[in-house]
PDB file of N, CA and C in Angstrom:
ATOM      1  N   MET A   1     -32.144 134.424  94.395  1.00  0.00           N
ATOM      2  CA  MET A   1     -32.089 133.816  93.096  1.00  0.00           C
ATOM      3  C   MET A   1     -32.390 132.330  93.236  1.00  0.00           C
ATOM      4  N   LYS A   2     -33.123 131.814  92.293  1.00  0.00           N
ATOM      5  CA  LYS A   2     -33.528 130.413  92.309  1.00  0.00           C
ATOM      6  C   LYS A   2     -32.384 129.537  91.785  1.00  0.00           C
ATOM      7  N   PRO A   3     -31.948 128.542  92.578  1.00  0.00           N
ATOM      8  CA  PRO A   3     -30.857 127.684  92.113  1.00  0.00           C
ATOM      9  C   PRO A   3     -31.309 126.729  91.010  1.00  0.00           C
ATOM     10  N   ALA A   4     -30.377 126.381  90.105  1.00  0.00           N
ATOM     11  CA  ALA A   4     -30.678 125.439  89.038  1.00  0.00           C
ATOM     12  C   ALA A   4     -30.776 124.025  89.609  1.00  0.00           C
ATOM     13  N   ASN A   5     -31.542 123.182  88.961  1.00  0.00           N
ATOM     14  CA  ASN A   5     -31.709 121.783  89.380  1.00  0.00           C
ATOM     15  C   ASN A   5     -32.139 121.661  90.843  1.00  0.00           C
ATOM     16  N   ASN A   6     -33.097 122.460  91.214  1.00  0.00           N
ATOM     17  CA  ASN A   6     -33.564 122.441  92.605  1.00  0.00           C
ATOM     18  C   ASN A   6     -34.902 121.717  92.669  1.00  0.00           C
ATOM     19  N   HIS A   7     -34.877 120.388  92.516  1.00  0.00           N
ATOM     20  CA  HIS A   7     -36.091 119.606  92.652  1.00  0.00           C
ATOM     21  C   HIS A   7     -35.758 118.251  93.252  1.00  0.00           C
ATOM     22  N   GLY A   8     -36.814 117.554  93.602  1.00  0.00           N
ATOM     23  CA  GLY A   8     -36.625 116.244  94.209  1.00  0.00           C
ATOM     24  C   GLY A   8     -36.094 116.337  95.630  1.00  0.00           C
ATOM     25  N   ILE A   9     -35.309 115.343  95.990  1.00  0.00           N
ATOM     26  CA  ILE A   9     -34.807 115.241  97.359  1.00  0.00           C
ATOM     27  C   ILE A   9     -33.863 116.394  97.699  1.00  0.00           C
ATOM     28  N   LYS A  10     -33.145 116.896  96.691  1.00  0.00           N
ATOM     29  CA  LYS A  10     -32.243 118.023  96.915  1.00  0.00           C
ATOM     30  C   LYS A  10     -33.017 119.251  97.399  1.00  0.00           C
ATOM     31  N   ARG A  11     -34.169 119.496  96.785  1.00  0.00           N
ATOM     32  CA  ARG A  11     -35.001 120.631  97.186  1.00  0.00           C
ATOM     33  C   ARG A  11     -35.481 120.466  98.629  1.00  0.00           C
ATOM     34  N   ILE A  12     -35.845 119.238  98.981  1.00  0.00           N
ATOM     35  CA  ILE A  12     -36.326 118.973 100.343  1.00  0.00           C
ATOM     36  C   ILE A  12     -35.222 119.243 101.365  1.00  0.00           C
ATOM     37  N   PHE A  13     -33.998 118.800 101.060  1.00  0.00           N
ATOM     38  CA  PHE A  13     -32.886 119.051 101.970  1.00  0.00           C
ATOM     39  C   PHE A  13     -32.577 120.539 102.087  1.00  0.00           C
ATOM     40  N   ARG A  14     -32.617 121.249 100.962  1.00  0.00           N
ATOM     41  CA  ARG A  14     -32.373 122.703 101.006  1.00  0.00           C
ATOM     42  C   ARG A  14     -33.467 123.412 101.811  1.00  0.00           C
ATOM     43  N   ALA A  15     -34.716 123.030 101.575  1.00  0.00           N
ATOM     44  CA  ALA A  15     -35.834 123.650 102.294  1.00  0.00           C
ATOM     45  C   ALA A  15     -35.724 123.382 103.795  1.00  0.00           C
ATOM     46  N   THR A  16     -35.328 122.170 104.151  1.00  0.00           N
ATOM     47  CA  THR A  16     -35.152 121.835 105.568  1.00  0.00           C
ATOM     48  C   THR A  16     -34.046 122.687 106.179  1.00  0.00           C
ATOM     49  N   GLY A  17     -32.979 122.876 105.442  1.00  0.00           N
ATOM     50  CA  GLY A  17     -31.891 123.731 105.921  1.00  0.00           C
ATOM     51  C   GLY A  17     -32.351 125.157 106.154  1.00  0.00           C
ATOM     52  N   PHE A  18     -33.142 125.696 105.217  1.00  0.00           N
ATOM     53  CA  PHE A  18     -33.674 127.049 105.390  1.00  0.00           C
ATOM     54  C   PHE A  18     -34.606 127.127 106.596  1.00  0.00           C
ATOM     55  N   SER A  19     -35.394 126.079 106.798  1.00  0.00           N
ATOM     56  CA  SER A  19     -36.302 126.044 107.951  1.00  0.00           C
ATOM     57  C   SER A  19     -35.523 126.054 109.254  1.00  0.00           C
ATOM     58  N   MET A  20     -34.456 125.267 109.321  1.00  0.00           N
ATOM     59  CA  MET A  20     -33.629 125.229 110.532  1.00  0.00           C
ATOM     60  C   MET A  20     -32.955 126.586 110.762  1.00  0.00           C
ATOM     61  N   LYS A  21     -32.538 127.223 109.675  1.00  0.00           N
ATOM     62  CA  LYS A  21     -31.943 128.564 109.767  1.00  0.00           C
ATOM     63  C   LYS A  21     -32.966 129.559 110.328  1.00  0.00           C
ATOM     64  N   GLY A  22     -34.204 129.442 109.879  1.00  0.00           N
ATOM     65  CA  GLY A  22     -35.270 130.315 110.372  1.00  0.00           C
ATOM     66  C   GLY A  22     -35.578 130.075 111.839  1.00  0.00           C
ATOM     67  N   LEU A  23     -35.623 128.804 112.255  1.00  0.00           N
ATOM     68  CA  LEU A  23     -35.857 128.493 113.669  1.00  0.00           C
ATOM     69  C   LEU A  23     -34.725 129.040 114.535  1.00  0.00           C
ATOM     70  N   LYS A  24     -33.495 128.903 114.052  1.00  0.00           N
ATOM     71  CA  LYS A  24     -32.350 129.424 114.795  1.00  0.00           C
ATOM     72  C   LYS A  24     -32.435 130.948 114.910  1.00  0.00           C
ATOM     73  N   ALA A  25     -32.784 131.619 113.816  1.00  0.00           N
ATOM     74  CA  ALA A  25     -32.917 133.074 113.836  1.00  0.00           C
ATOM     75  C   ALA A  25     -34.000 133.508 114.823  1.00  0.00           C
ATOM     76  N   ALA A  26     -35.115 132.791 114.835  1.00  0.00           N
ATOM     77  CA  ALA A  26     -36.191 133.122 115.777  1.00  0.00           C
ATOM     78  C   ALA A  26     -35.712 132.930 117.209  1.00  0.00           C
ATOM     79  N   TRP A  27     -34.995 131.857 117.474  1.00  0.00           N
ATOM     80  CA  TRP A  27     -34.481 131.596 118.824  1.00  0.00           C
ATOM     81  C   TRP A  27     -33.505 132.694 119.254  1.00  0.00           C
ATOM     82  N   VAL A  28     -32.617 133.085 118.365  1.00  0.00           N
ATOM     83  CA  VAL A  28     -31.571 134.063 118.700  1.00  0.00           C
ATOM     84  C   VAL A  28     -32.132 135.470 118.841  1.00  0.00           C
ATOM     85  N   HIS A  29     -33.062 135.855 117.956  1.00  0.00           N
ATOM     86  CA  HIS A  29     -33.477 137.256 117.867  1.00  0.00           C
ATOM     87  C   HIS A  29     -34.850 137.573 118.458  1.00  0.00           C
ATOM     88  N   GLU A  30     -35.632 136.575 118.805  1.00  0.00           N
ATOM     89  CA  GLU A  30     -37.011 136.824 119.239  1.00  0.00           C
ATOM     90  C   GLU A  30     -37.263 136.274 120.642  1.00  0.00           C
ATOM     91  N   ALA A  31     -37.290 137.170 121.615  1.00  0.00           N
ATOM     92  CA  ALA A  31     -37.510 136.766 123.006  1.00  0.00           C
ATOM     93  C   ALA A  31     -38.873 136.087 123.179  1.00  0.00           C
ATOM     94  N   ALA A  32     -39.888 136.593 122.508  1.00  0.00           N
ATOM     95  CA  ALA A  32     -41.230 135.999 122.637  1.00  0.00           C
ATOM     96  C   ALA A  32     -41.224 134.550 122.155  1.00  0.00           C
ATOM     97  N   PHE A  33     -40.511 134.274 121.060  1.00  0.00           N
ATOM     98  CA  PHE A  33     -40.440 132.900 120.558  1.00  0.00           C
ATOM     99  C   PHE A  33     -39.744 132.001 121.577  1.00  0.00           C
ATOM    100  N   ARG A  34     -38.664 132.481 122.181  1.00  0.00           N
ATOM    101  CA  ARG A  34     -37.970 131.689 123.203  1.00  0.00           C
ATOM    102  C   ARG A  34     -38.887 131.395 124.379  1.00  0.00           C
ATOM    103  N   GLN A  35     -39.628 132.403 124.823  1.00  0.00           N
ATOM    104  CA  GLN A  35     -40.538 132.211 125.950  1.00  0.00           C
ATOM    105  C   GLN A  35     -41.634 131.212 125.612  1.00  0.00           C
ATOM    106  N   GLU A  36     -42.221 131.344 124.445  1.00  0.00           N
ATOM    107  CA  GLU A  36     -43.299 130.444 124.058  1.00  0.00           C
ATOM    108  C   GLU A  36     -42.786 129.025 123.810  1.00  0.00           C
ATOM    109  N   LEU A  37     -41.585 128.897 123.294  1.00  0.00           N
ATOM    110  CA  LEU A  37     -41.010 127.569 123.098  1.00  0.00           C
ATOM    111  C   LEU A  37     -40.723 126.902 124.436  1.00  0.00           C
ATOM    112  N   MET A  38     -40.202 127.664 125.391  1.00  0.00           N
ATOM    113  CA  MET A  38     -39.945 127.104 126.723  1.00  0.00           C
ATOM    114  C   MET A  38     -41.252 126.698 127.400  1.00  0.00           C
ATOM    115  N   LEU A  39     -42.281 127.508 127.215  1.00  0.00           N
ATOM    116  CA  LEU A  39     -43.600 127.157 127.743  1.00  0.00           C
ATOM    117  C   LEU A  39     -44.093 125.857 127.114  1.00  0.00           C
ATOM    118  N   ALA A  40     -43.896 125.704 125.808  1.00  0.00           N
ATOM    119  CA  ALA A  40     -44.311 124.466 125.122  1.00  0.00           C
ATOM    120  C   ALA A  40     -43.508 123.272 125.623  1.00  0.00           C
ATOM    121  N   VAL A  41     -42.234 123.469 125.892  1.00  0.00           N
ATOM    122  CA  VAL A  41     -41.389 122.377 126.402  1.00  0.00           C
ATOM    123  C   VAL A  41     -41.893 121.910 127.768  1.00  0.00           C
ATOM    124  N   VAL A  42     -42.375 122.837 128.579  1.00  0.00           N
ATOM    125  CA  VAL A  42     -42.917 122.484 129.895  1.00  0.00           C
ATOM    126  C   VAL A  42     -44.301 121.846 129.758  1.00  0.00           C
ATOM    127  N   MET A  43     -45.121 122.379 128.851  1.00  0.00           N
ATOM    128  CA  MET A  43     -46.510 121.916 128.745  1.00  0.00           C
ATOM    129  C   MET A  43     -46.666 120.619 127.963  1.00  0.00           C
ATOM    130  N   LEU A  44     -45.768 120.340 127.031  1.00  0.00           N
ATOM    131  CA  LEU A  44     -45.879 119.127 126.224  1.00  0.00           C
ATOM    132  C   LEU A  44     -45.865 117.855 127.073  1.00  0.00           C
ATOM    133  N   PRO A  45     -44.937 117.708 128.024  1.00  0.00           N
ATOM    134  CA  PRO A  45     -44.992 116.506 128.871  1.00  0.00           C
ATOM    135  C   PRO A  45     -46.290 116.393 129.668  1.00  0.00           C
ATOM    136  N   ILE A  46     -46.837 117.521 130.081  1.00  0.00           N
ATOM    137  CA  ILE A  46     -48.106 117.494 130.804  1.00  0.00           C
ATOM    138  C   ILE A  46     -49.192 116.926 129.895  1.00  0.00           C
ATOM    139  N   ALA A  47     -49.223 117.402 128.629  1.00  0.00           N
ATOM    140  CA  ALA A  47     -50.216 116.910 127.672  1.00  0.00           C
ATOM    141  C   ALA A  47     -50.046 115.411 127.420  1.00  0.00           C
ATOM    142  N   LEU A  48     -48.823 114.935 127.473  1.00  0.00           N
ATOM    143  CA  LEU A  48     -48.568 113.518 127.207  1.00  0.00           C
ATOM    144  C   LEU A  48     -48.860 112.627 128.409  1.00  0.00           C
ATOM    145  N   LEU A  49     -48.748 113.176 129.618  1.00  0.00           N
ATOM    146  CA  LEU A  49     -48.872 112.355 130.818  1.00  0.00           C
ATOM    147  C   LEU A  49     -50.250 112.366 131.463  1.00  0.00           C
ATOM    148  N   VAL A  50     -51.022 113.413 131.249  1.00  0.00           N
ATOM    149  CA  VAL A  50     -52.323 113.520 131.901  1.00  0.00           C
ATOM    150  C   VAL A  50     -53.291 112.478 131.321  1.00  0.00           C
ATOM    151  N   ASP A  51     -54.221 112.027 132.152  1.00  0.00           N
ATOM    152  CA  ASP A  51     -55.169 110.980 131.758  1.00  0.00           C
ATOM    153  C   ASP A  51     -56.369 111.590 131.033  1.00  0.00           C
ATOM    154  N   ILE A  52     -56.229 111.735 129.708  1.00  0.00           N
ATOM    155  CA  ILE A  52     -57.287 112.293 128.861  1.00  0.00           C
ATOM    156  C   ILE A  52     -57.363 111.459 127.587  1.00  0.00           C
ATOM    157  N   SER A  53     -58.392 111.715 126.792  1.00  0.00           N
ATOM    158  CA  SER A  53     -58.551 110.965 125.539  1.00  0.00           C
ATOM    159  C   SER A  53     -57.477 111.386 124.530  1.00  0.00           C
ATOM    160  N   THR A  54     -57.311 110.560 123.527  1.00  0.00           N
ATOM    161  CA  THR A  54     -56.339 110.859 122.474  1.00  0.00           C
ATOM    162  C   THR A  54     -56.695 112.155 121.754  1.00  0.00           C
ATOM    163  N   MET A  55     -57.977 112.376 121.529  1.00  0.00           N
ATOM    164  CA  MET A  55     -58.413 113.602 120.851  1.00  0.00           C
ATOM    165  C   MET A  55     -58.114 114.837 121.700  1.00  0.00           C
ATOM    166  N   GLU A  56     -58.369 114.754 122.989  1.00  0.00           N
ATOM    167  CA  GLU A  56     -58.057 115.881 123.873  1.00  0.00           C
ATOM    168  C   GLU A  56     -56.548 116.135 123.918  1.00  0.00           C
ATOM    169  N   ARG A  57     -55.774 115.059 123.983  1.00  0.00           N
ATOM    170  CA  ARG A  57     -54.316 115.185 123.983  1.00  0.00           C
ATOM    171  C   ARG A  57     -53.840 115.883 122.703  1.00  0.00           C
ATOM    172  N   LEU A  58     -54.405 115.472 121.586  1.00  0.00           N
ATOM    173  CA  LEU A  58     -54.058 116.073 120.303  1.00  0.00           C
ATOM    174  C   LEU A  58     -54.399 117.562 120.280  1.00  0.00           C
ATOM    175  N   MET A  59     -55.557 117.911 120.834  1.00  0.00           N
ATOM    176  CA  MET A  59     -55.948 119.323 120.890  1.00  0.00           C
ATOM    177  C   MET A  59     -54.955 120.139 121.712  1.00  0.00           C
ATOM    178  N   LEU A  60     -54.514 119.611 122.834  1.00  0.00           N
ATOM    179  CA  LEU A  60     -53.548 120.328 123.669  1.00  0.00           C
ATOM    180  C   LEU A  60     -52.231 120.536 122.926  1.00  0.00           C
ATOM    181  N   ILE A  61     -51.755 119.490 122.283  1.00  0.00           N
ATOM    182  CA  ILE A  61     -50.475 119.571 121.572  1.00  0.00           C
ATOM    183  C   ILE A  61     -50.590 120.492 120.355  1.00  0.00           C
ATOM    184  N   LEU A  62     -51.675 120.379 119.610  1.00  0.00           N
ATOM    185  CA  LEU A  62     -51.855 121.234 118.435  1.00  0.00           C
ATOM    186  C   LEU A  62     -51.887 122.708 118.800  1.00  0.00           C
ATOM    187  N   THR A  63     -52.536 123.049 119.902  1.00  0.00           N
ATOM    188  CA  THR A  63     -52.590 124.464 120.268  1.00  0.00           C
ATOM    189  C   THR A  63     -51.208 124.996 120.637  1.00  0.00           C
ATOM    190  N   LEU A  64     -50.355 124.161 121.207  1.00  0.00           N
ATOM    191  CA  LEU A  64     -48.980 124.585 121.489  1.00  0.00           C
ATOM    192  C   LEU A  64     -48.250 124.905 120.187  1.00  0.00           C
ATOM    193  N   PHE A  65     -48.408 124.039 119.187  1.00  0.00           N
ATOM    194  CA  PHE A  65     -47.754 124.275 117.903  1.00  0.00           C
ATOM    195  C   PHE A  65     -48.342 125.482 117.183  1.00  0.00           C
ATOM    196  N   ILE A  66     -49.640 125.694 117.325  1.00  0.00           N
ATOM    197  CA  ILE A  66     -50.261 126.864 116.692  1.00  0.00           C
ATOM    198  C   ILE A  66     -49.645 128.146 117.229  1.00  0.00           C
ATOM    199  N   VAL A  67     -49.438 128.225 118.538  1.00  0.00           N
ATOM    200  CA  VAL A  67     -48.820 129.415 119.127  1.00  0.00           C
ATOM    201  C   VAL A  67     -47.433 129.640 118.530  1.00  0.00           C
ATOM    202  N   LEU A  68     -46.630 128.588 118.441  1.00  0.00           N
ATOM    203  CA  LEU A  68     -45.276 128.723 117.899  1.00  0.00           C
ATOM    204  C   LEU A  68     -45.296 129.125 116.424  1.00  0.00           C
ATOM    205  N   ILE A  69     -46.191 128.532 115.655  1.00  0.00           N
ATOM    206  CA  ILE A  69     -46.289 128.855 114.233  1.00  0.00           C
ATOM    207  C   ILE A  69     -46.697 130.316 114.036  1.00  0.00           C
ATOM    208  N   VAL A  70     -47.698 130.761 114.781  1.00  0.00           N
ATOM    209  CA  VAL A  70     -48.167 132.141 114.642  1.00  0.00           C
ATOM    210  C   VAL A  70     -47.082 133.112 115.094  1.00  0.00           C
ATOM    211  N   GLU A  71     -46.341 132.773 116.125  1.00  0.00           N
ATOM    212  CA  GLU A  71     -45.241 133.635 116.567  1.00  0.00           C
ATOM    213  C   GLU A  71     -44.159 133.733 115.491  1.00  0.00           C
ATOM    214  N   LEU A  72     -43.856 132.631 114.817  1.00  0.00           N
ATOM    215  CA  LEU A  72     -42.886 132.680 113.716  1.00  0.00           C
ATOM    216  C   LEU A  72     -43.380 133.601 112.595  1.00  0.00           C
ATOM    217  N   LEU A  73     -44.653 133.492 112.253  1.00  0.00           N
ATOM    218  CA  LEU A  73     -45.208 134.368 111.219  1.00  0.00           C
ATOM    219  C   LEU A  73     -45.188 135.828 111.655  1.00  0.00           C
ATOM    220  N   ASN A  74     -45.511 136.087 112.911  1.00  0.00           N
ATOM    221  CA  ASN A  74     -45.457 137.440 113.455  1.00  0.00           C
ATOM    222  C   ASN A  74     -44.043 138.000 113.349  1.00  0.00           C
ATOM    223  N   SER A  75     -43.062 137.203 113.716  1.00  0.00           N
ATOM    224  CA  SER A  75     -41.670 137.647 113.654  1.00  0.00           C
ATOM    225  C   SER A  75     -41.252 137.934 112.219  1.00  0.00           C
ATOM    226  N   ALA A  76     -41.700 137.106 111.285  1.00  0.00           N
ATOM    227  CA  ALA A  76     -41.377 137.325 109.873  1.00  0.00           C
ATOM    228  C   ALA A  76     -41.996 138.624 109.365  1.00  0.00           C
ATOM    229  N   ILE A  77     -43.242 138.878 109.732  1.00  0.00           N
ATOM    230  CA  ILE A  77     -43.904 140.117 109.318  1.00  0.00           C
ATOM    231  C   ILE A  77     -43.176 141.318 109.903  1.00  0.00           C
ATOM    232  N   GLU A  78     -42.815 141.254 111.172  1.00  0.00           N
ATOM    233  CA  GLU A  78     -42.089 142.364 111.788  1.00  0.00           C
ATOM    234  C   GLU A  78     -40.749 142.599 111.105  1.00  0.00           C
ATOM    235  N   ALA A  79     -40.042 141.522 110.761  1.00  0.00           N
ATOM    236  CA  ALA A  79     -38.743 141.662 110.099  1.00  0.00           C
ATOM    237  C   ALA A  79     -38.892 142.323 108.731  1.00  0.00           C
ATOM    238  N   VAL A  80     -39.903 141.927 107.977  1.00  0.00           N
ATOM    239  CA  VAL A  80     -40.112 142.521 106.655  1.00  0.00           C
ATOM    240  C   VAL A  80     -40.488 143.991 106.785  1.00  0.00           C
ATOM    241  N   VAL A  81     -41.374 144.314 107.708  1.00  0.00           N
ATOM    242  CA  VAL A  81     -41.780 145.709 107.900  1.00  0.00           C
ATOM    243  C   VAL A  81     -40.567 146.547 108.307  1.00  0.00           C
ATOM    244  N   ASP A  82     -39.742 146.032 109.206  1.00  0.00           N
ATOM    245  CA  ASP A  82     -38.553 146.766 109.640  1.00  0.00           C
ATOM    246  C   ASP A  82     -37.553 146.923 108.494  1.00  0.00           C
ATOM    247  N   ARG A  83     -37.478 145.921 107.628  1.00  0.00           N
ATOM    248  CA  ARG A  83     -36.554 145.954 106.492  1.00  0.00           C
ATOM    249  C   ARG A  83     -36.973 147.002 105.468  1.00  0.00           C
ATOM    250  N   VAL A  84     -38.268 147.170 105.287  1.00  0.00           N
ATOM    251  CA  VAL A  84     -38.778 148.088 104.270  1.00  0.00           C
ATOM    252  C   VAL A  84     -38.371 149.527 104.571  1.00  0.00           C
ATOM    253  N   GLY A  85     -38.380 149.899 105.835  1.00  0.00           N
ATOM    254  CA  GLY A  85     -37.987 151.263 106.166  1.00  0.00           C
ATOM    255  C   GLY A  85     -38.158 151.558 107.634  1.00  0.00           C
ATOM    256  N   SER A  86     -37.416 152.546 108.097  1.00  0.00           N
ATOM    257  CA  SER A  86     -37.474 152.893 109.514  1.00  0.00           C
ATOM    258  C   SER A  86     -38.447 154.044 109.798  1.00  0.00           C
ATOM    259  N   GLU A  87     -38.948 154.677 108.732  1.00  0.00           N
ATOM    260  CA  GLU A  87     -39.887 155.776 108.966  1.00  0.00           C
ATOM    261  C   GLU A  87     -41.219 155.228 109.475  1.00  0.00           C
ATOM    262  N   ILE A  88     -41.890 156.061 110.240  1.00  0.00           N
ATOM    263  CA  ILE A  88     -43.177 155.672 110.811  1.00  0.00           C
ATOM    264  C   ILE A  88     -44.245 155.797 109.726  1.00  0.00           C
ATOM    265  N   HIS A  89     -44.977 154.714 109.539  1.00  0.00           N
ATOM    266  CA  HIS A  89     -46.080 154.718 108.580  1.00  0.00           C
ATOM    267  C   HIS A  89     -47.228 153.937 109.198  1.00  0.00           C
ATOM    268  N   HIS A  90     -48.449 154.436 109.036  1.00  0.00           N
ATOM    269  CA  HIS A  90     -49.587 153.796 109.694  1.00  0.00           C
ATOM    270  C   HIS A  90     -49.803 152.362 109.202  1.00  0.00           C
ATOM    271  N   LEU A  91     -49.494 152.064 107.958  1.00  0.00           N
ATOM    272  CA  LEU A  91     -49.665 150.701 107.466  1.00  0.00           C
ATOM    273  C   LEU A  91     -48.636 149.743 108.069  1.00  0.00           C
ATOM    274  N   SER A  92     -47.432 150.249 108.318  1.00  0.00           N
ATOM    275  CA  SER A  92     -46.418 149.422 108.986  1.00  0.00           C
ATOM    276  C   SER A  92     -46.873 149.078 110.398  1.00  0.00           C
ATOM    277  N   GLY A  93     -47.363 150.078 111.097  1.00  0.00           N
ATOM    278  CA  GLY A  93     -47.879 149.846 112.445  1.00  0.00           C
ATOM    279  C   GLY A  93     -49.079 148.917 112.435  1.00  0.00           C
ATOM    280  N   GLN A  94     -49.941 149.097 111.456  1.00  0.00           N
ATOM    281  CA  GLN A  94     -51.132 148.245 111.347  1.00  0.00           C
ATOM    282  C   GLN A  94     -50.737 146.795 111.092  1.00  0.00           C
ATOM    283  N   ALA A  95     -49.773 146.565 110.207  1.00  0.00           N
ATOM    284  CA  ALA A  95     -49.321 145.201 109.920  1.00  0.00           C
ATOM    285  C   ALA A  95     -48.757 144.547 111.174  1.00  0.00           C
ATOM    286  N   LYS A  96     -47.945 145.284 111.913  1.00  0.00           N
ATOM    287  CA  LYS A  96     -47.361 144.733 113.139  1.00  0.00           C
ATOM    288  C   LYS A  96     -48.438 144.482 114.191  1.00  0.00           C
ATOM    289  N   ASP A  97     -49.387 145.387 114.312  1.00  0.00           N
ATOM    290  CA  ASP A  97     -50.461 145.221 115.292  1.00  0.00           C
ATOM    291  C   ASP A  97     -51.342 144.018 114.966  1.00  0.00           C
ATOM    292  N   ILE A  98     -51.647 143.830 113.703  1.00  0.00           N
ATOM    293  CA  ILE A  98     -52.482 142.697 113.298  1.00  0.00           C
ATOM    294  C   ILE A  98     -51.752 141.385 113.537  1.00  0.00           C
ATOM    295  N   ALA A  99     -50.462 141.346 113.220  1.00  0.00           N
ATOM    296  CA  ALA A  99     -49.671 140.132 113.474  1.00  0.00           C
ATOM    297  C   ALA A  99     -49.607 139.842 114.971  1.00  0.00           C
ATOM    298  N   SER A 100     -49.464 140.891 115.770  1.00  0.00           N
ATOM    299  CA  SER A 100     -49.452 140.719 117.219  1.00  0.00           C
ATOM    300  C   SER A 100     -50.802 140.220 117.722  1.00  0.00           C
ATOM    301  N   ALA A 101     -51.875 140.713 117.131  1.00  0.00           N
ATOM    302  CA  ALA A 101     -53.216 140.250 117.502  1.00  0.00           C
ATOM    303  C   ALA A 101     -53.386 138.766 117.186  1.00  0.00           C
ATOM    304  N   ALA A 102     -52.778 138.317 116.102  1.00  0.00           N
ATOM    305  CA  ALA A 102     -52.845 136.894 115.753  1.00  0.00           C
ATOM    306  C   ALA A 102     -52.154 136.053 116.819  1.00  0.00           C
ATOM    307  N   VAL A 103     -51.026 136.523 117.325  1.00  0.00           N
ATOM    308  CA  VAL A 103     -50.334 135.812 118.407  1.00  0.00           C
ATOM    309  C   VAL A 103     -51.231 135.780 119.639  1.00  0.00           C
ATOM    310  N   PHE A 104     -51.833 136.918 119.962  1.00  0.00           N
ATOM    311  CA  PHE A 104     -52.724 136.986 121.116  1.00  0.00           C
ATOM    312  C   PHE A 104     -53.876 135.985 120.981  1.00  0.00           C
ATOM    313  N   MET A 105     -54.470 135.929 119.784  1.00  0.00           N
ATOM    314  CA  MET A 105     -55.587 135.010 119.564  1.00  0.00           C
ATOM    315  C   MET A 105     -55.132 133.555 119.693  1.00  0.00           C
ATOM    316  N   SER A 106     -53.943 133.237 119.206  1.00  0.00           N
ATOM    317  CA  SER A 106     -53.450 131.859 119.322  1.00  0.00           C
ATOM    318  C   SER A 106     -53.184 131.505 120.780  1.00  0.00           C
ATOM    319  N   LEU A 107     -52.666 132.470 121.544  1.00  0.00           N
ATOM    320  CA  LEU A 107     -52.449 132.226 122.979  1.00  0.00           C
ATOM    321  C   LEU A 107     -53.785 132.048 123.704  1.00  0.00           C
ATOM    322  N   ALA A 108     -54.777 132.844 123.329  1.00  0.00           N
ATOM    323  CA  ALA A 108     -56.107 132.701 123.933  1.00  0.00           C
ATOM    324  C   ALA A 108     -56.699 131.335 123.601  1.00  0.00           C
ATOM    325  N   LEU A 109     -56.589 130.920 122.350  1.00  0.00           N
ATOM    326  CA  LEU A 109     -57.063 129.596 121.943  1.00  0.00           C
ATOM    327  C   LEU A 109     -56.376 128.505 122.750  1.00  0.00           C
ATOM    328  N   CYS A 110     -55.077 128.624 122.905  1.00  0.00           N
ATOM    329  CA  CYS A 110     -54.310 127.634 123.672  1.00  0.00           C
ATOM    330  C   CYS A 110     -54.781 127.602 125.122  1.00  0.00           C
ATOM    331  N   GLY A 111     -54.889 128.764 125.736  1.00  0.00           N
ATOM    332  CA  GLY A 111     -55.307 128.828 127.134  1.00  0.00           C
ATOM    333  C   GLY A 111     -56.707 128.282 127.354  1.00  0.00           C
ATOM    334  N   ILE A 112     -57.630 128.667 126.495  1.00  0.00           N
ATOM    335  CA  ILE A 112     -59.015 128.195 126.625  1.00  0.00           C
ATOM    336  C   ILE A 112     -59.085 126.687 126.422  1.00  0.00           C
ATOM    337  N   THR A 113     -58.369 126.186 125.423  1.00  0.00           N
ATOM    338  CA  THR A 113     -58.380 124.739 125.150  1.00  0.00           C
ATOM    339  C   THR A 113     -57.839 123.963 126.347  1.00  0.00           C
ATOM    340  N   TRP A 114     -56.700 124.405 126.875  1.00  0.00           N
ATOM    341  CA  TRP A 114     -56.111 123.718 128.027  1.00  0.00           C
ATOM    342  C   TRP A 114     -57.046 123.780 129.234  1.00  0.00           C
ATOM    343  N   LEU A 115     -57.681 124.923 129.426  1.00  0.00           N
ATOM    344  CA  LEU A 115     -58.612 125.072 130.546  1.00  0.00           C
ATOM    345  C   LEU A 115     -59.809 124.138 130.391  1.00  0.00           C
ATOM    346  N   VAL A 116     -60.406 124.110 129.218  1.00  0.00           N
ATOM    347  CA  VAL A 116     -61.581 123.273 128.986  1.00  0.00           C
ATOM    348  C   VAL A 116     -61.252 121.789 129.115  1.00  0.00           C
ATOM    349  N   VAL A 117     -60.077 121.391 128.644  1.00  0.00           N
ATOM    350  CA  VAL A 117     -59.702 119.972 128.687  1.00  0.00           C
ATOM    351  C   VAL A 117     -59.281 119.552 130.089  1.00  0.00           C
ATOM    352  N   LEU A 118     -58.503 120.399 130.773  1.00  0.00           N
ATOM    353  CA  LEU A 118     -57.919 119.972 132.052  1.00  0.00           C
ATOM    354  C   LEU A 118     -58.745 120.323 133.288  1.00  0.00           C
ATOM    355  N   LEU A 119     -59.552 121.355 133.230  1.00  0.00           N
ATOM    356  CA  LEU A 119     -60.331 121.759 134.410  1.00  0.00           C
ATOM    357  C   LEU A 119     -61.217 120.649 134.949  1.00  0.00           C
ATOM    358  N   PRO A 120     -61.901 119.880 134.111  1.00  0.00           N
ATOM    359  CA  PRO A 120     -62.742 118.791 134.657  1.00  0.00           C
ATOM    360  C   PRO A 120     -61.953 117.754 135.473  1.00  0.00           C
ATOM    361  N   LEU A 121     -60.667 117.641 135.224  1.00  0.00           N
ATOM    362  CA  LEU A 121     -59.855 116.681 135.995  1.00  0.00           C
ATOM    363  C   LEU A 121     -59.655 117.134 137.444  1.00  0.00           C
ATOM    364  N   PHE A 122     -59.836 118.416 137.700  1.00  0.00           N
ATOM    365  CA  PHE A 122     -59.589 118.962 139.030  1.00  0.00           C
ATOM    366  C   PHE A 122     -60.855 119.378 139.748  1.00  0.00           C
ATOM    367  N   ILE A 123     -61.996 119.211 139.114  1.00  0.00           N
ATOM    368  CA  ILE A 123     -63.272 119.609 139.749  1.00  0.00           C
ATOM    369  C   ILE A 123     -63.984 118.370 140.277  1.00  0.00           C
TER     370      ILE A 123
END
C-alpha cells in the first residue's frame, strides 16, 4: 500500500531504507551475491591502484557494479517466480534461465574488460 504524504526528502529516506533492506536480503539469502560482492571488494582496490588512465579505471569499476546490479535483478526475478508458485512451468524456468544468462553476460563483460585493460601492463 502506498503511504500518504510520501514525497520530497521523506520519500528519499524511505526509498533508501528499502534499498538497504534489499541489499541485506541479498547478502543473507543469495550466496552468488555474497561471492560477487567479495570479488568486487578484492578487485576494487586493484582498479584504484593500478597505473591506468581514468577512463580505463572507470571501466573496471563500472563492470564490477554491473555484475552486482545484474545479480540483484536476477535474485529478484527468482524470488518473484518462486513466490508465484512451486509447480514446474516452462515460463518460470525460462525466466530464471534468462536472468541467469544476464548474470553470465555481465560476468563475461567484466572479465573481458579487465583482461583488455590489464593484460597490456603485463606483456
